[in-house]
Amino acid sequence: LLSAVSSRGCSFTRVGSMFTIFFRPEIPYNFVEVSECDMQAFGRYHRAALKHGVYLPPSQYEAAFLPIGIGEKELDLLVSGIEASLAVA
């Protein structure tokens, strides 16, 4: 995901199984910086992800959680869906 995220001009952060893609070049570290994200692009990304079968939190202020039992097939679908969604955001 990192190459797709960076080529779109976004940033990616994770802690354990939680992750978020922020629509700004640098990872935000506070509410003000998250508020500076391109919320319109996040909306386009989120709607595209839903169309690709990837169900993410509907807000730039939230993190996605991966389940412990996720398999290779599901990870492949997640990554391809996110990459395709970033391309149209």
Protein backbone atom coordinates (compact mmCIF):
# COMPACT_ATOMS: atom_id res chain seq x y z
CA LEU A 1 0.00 0.00 0.00
CA LEU A 2 2.82 2.40 0.72
CA SER A 3 3.70 3.04 -2.93
CA ALA A 4 0.04 3.63 -3.88
CA VAL A 5 -0.44 5.94 -0.90
CA SER A 6 2.70 7.99 -1.53
CA SER A 7 2.10 8.24 -5.30
CA ARG A 8 -1.32 9.76 -4.50
CA GLY A 9 0.33 12.31 -2.18
CA CYS A 10 -1.18 10.80 0.95
CA SER A 11 0.34 9.48 4.14
CA PHE A 12 -0.11 6.15 5.90
CA THR A 13 0.15 5.34 9.57
CA ARG A 14 -0.51 2.23 11.58
CA VAL A 15 -0.34 0.87 15.09
CA GLY A 16 -0.62 -2.89 15.34
CA SER A 17 -3.58 -3.91 13.18
CA MET A 18 -5.06 -0.37 12.99
CA PHE A 19 -4.26 1.83 10.00
CA THR A 20 -5.33 5.09 8.42
CA ILE A 21 -4.61 6.73 5.11
CA PHE A 22 -4.55 10.51 5.46
CA PHE A 23 -5.15 12.75 2.48
CA ARG A 24 -2.15 15.00 3.11
CA PRO A 25 1.55 14.40 2.39
CA GLU A 26 2.68 14.25 6.03
CA ILE A 27 1.20 12.14 8.81
CA PRO A 28 -0.92 14.40 11.03
CA TYR A 29 -0.23 14.38 14.75
CA ASN A 30 -3.17 16.40 16.09
CA PHE A 31 -6.74 17.40 15.35
CA VAL A 32 -5.77 20.59 13.53
CA GLU A 33 -3.47 18.69 11.17
CA VAL A 34 -6.13 16.04 10.47
CA SER A 35 -8.56 18.87 9.73
CA GLU A 36 -6.16 20.03 7.00
CA CYS A 37 -6.61 16.75 5.09
CA ASP A 38 -8.41 16.82 1.75
CA MET A 39 -11.81 15.65 3.00
CA GLN A 40 -13.35 15.75 -0.49
CA ALA A 41 -10.69 13.33 -1.76
CA PHE A 42 -11.29 11.10 1.27
CA GLY A 43 -14.99 11.00 0.37
CA ARG A 44 -14.22 9.94 -3.21
CA TYR A 45 -11.78 7.31 -1.90
CA HIS A 46 -14.29 5.96 0.61
CA ARG A 47 -17.09 5.67 -1.97
CA ALA A 48 -14.75 3.96 -4.43
CA ALA A 49 -13.58 1.54 -1.72
CA LEU A 50 -17.18 0.55 -1.01
CA LYS A 51 -17.68 -0.18 -4.71
CA HIS A 52 -14.60 -2.44 -4.55
CA GLY A 53 -15.97 -4.31 -1.52
CA VAL A 54 -13.66 -2.62 0.99
CA TYR A 55 -15.60 -1.37 4.01
CA LEU A 56 -13.61 1.34 5.78
CA PRO A 57 -14.56 3.79 8.53
CA PRO A 58 -16.54 6.64 6.93
CA SER A 59 -14.46 9.43 8.47
CA GLN A 60 -10.92 10.71 8.05
CA TYR A 61 -10.81 10.89 11.86
CA GLU A 62 -11.13 7.11 12.32
CA ALA A 63 -8.86 4.09 11.88
CA ALA A 64 -9.50 0.79 10.13
CA PHE A 65 -8.92 -2.43 12.08
CA LEU A 66 -7.77 -5.69 10.52
CA PRO A 67 -9.11 -8.86 12.15
CA ILE A 68 -6.70 -11.43 13.52
CA GLY A 69 -8.14 -14.11 11.24
CA ILE A 70 -7.67 -12.26 7.94
CA GLY A 71 -6.25 -14.51 5.24
CA GLU A 72 -4.10 -13.94 2.17
CA LYS A 73 -7.13 -13.83 -0.15
CA GLU A 74 -8.80 -11.12 1.96
CA LEU A 75 -5.55 -9.15 2.23
CA ASP A 76 -5.13 -9.27 -1.55
CA LEU A 77 -8.70 -7.99 -2.02
CA LEU A 78 -8.12 -5.26 0.55
CA VAL A 79 -4.89 -4.06 -1.03
CA SER A 80 -6.19 -4.13 -4.60
CA GLY A 81 -9.41 -2.37 -3.56
CA ILE A 82 -7.53 0.37 -1.70
CA GLU A 83 -5.07 0.85 -4.56
CA ALA A 84 -7.90 1.17 -7.10
CA SER A 85 -9.78 3.54 -4.81
CA LEU A 86 -6.77 5.78 -4.28
CA ALA A 87 -6.41 6.06 -8.06
CA VAL A 88 -9.81 7.74 -8.38
CA ALA A 89 -9.74 9.86 -5.20
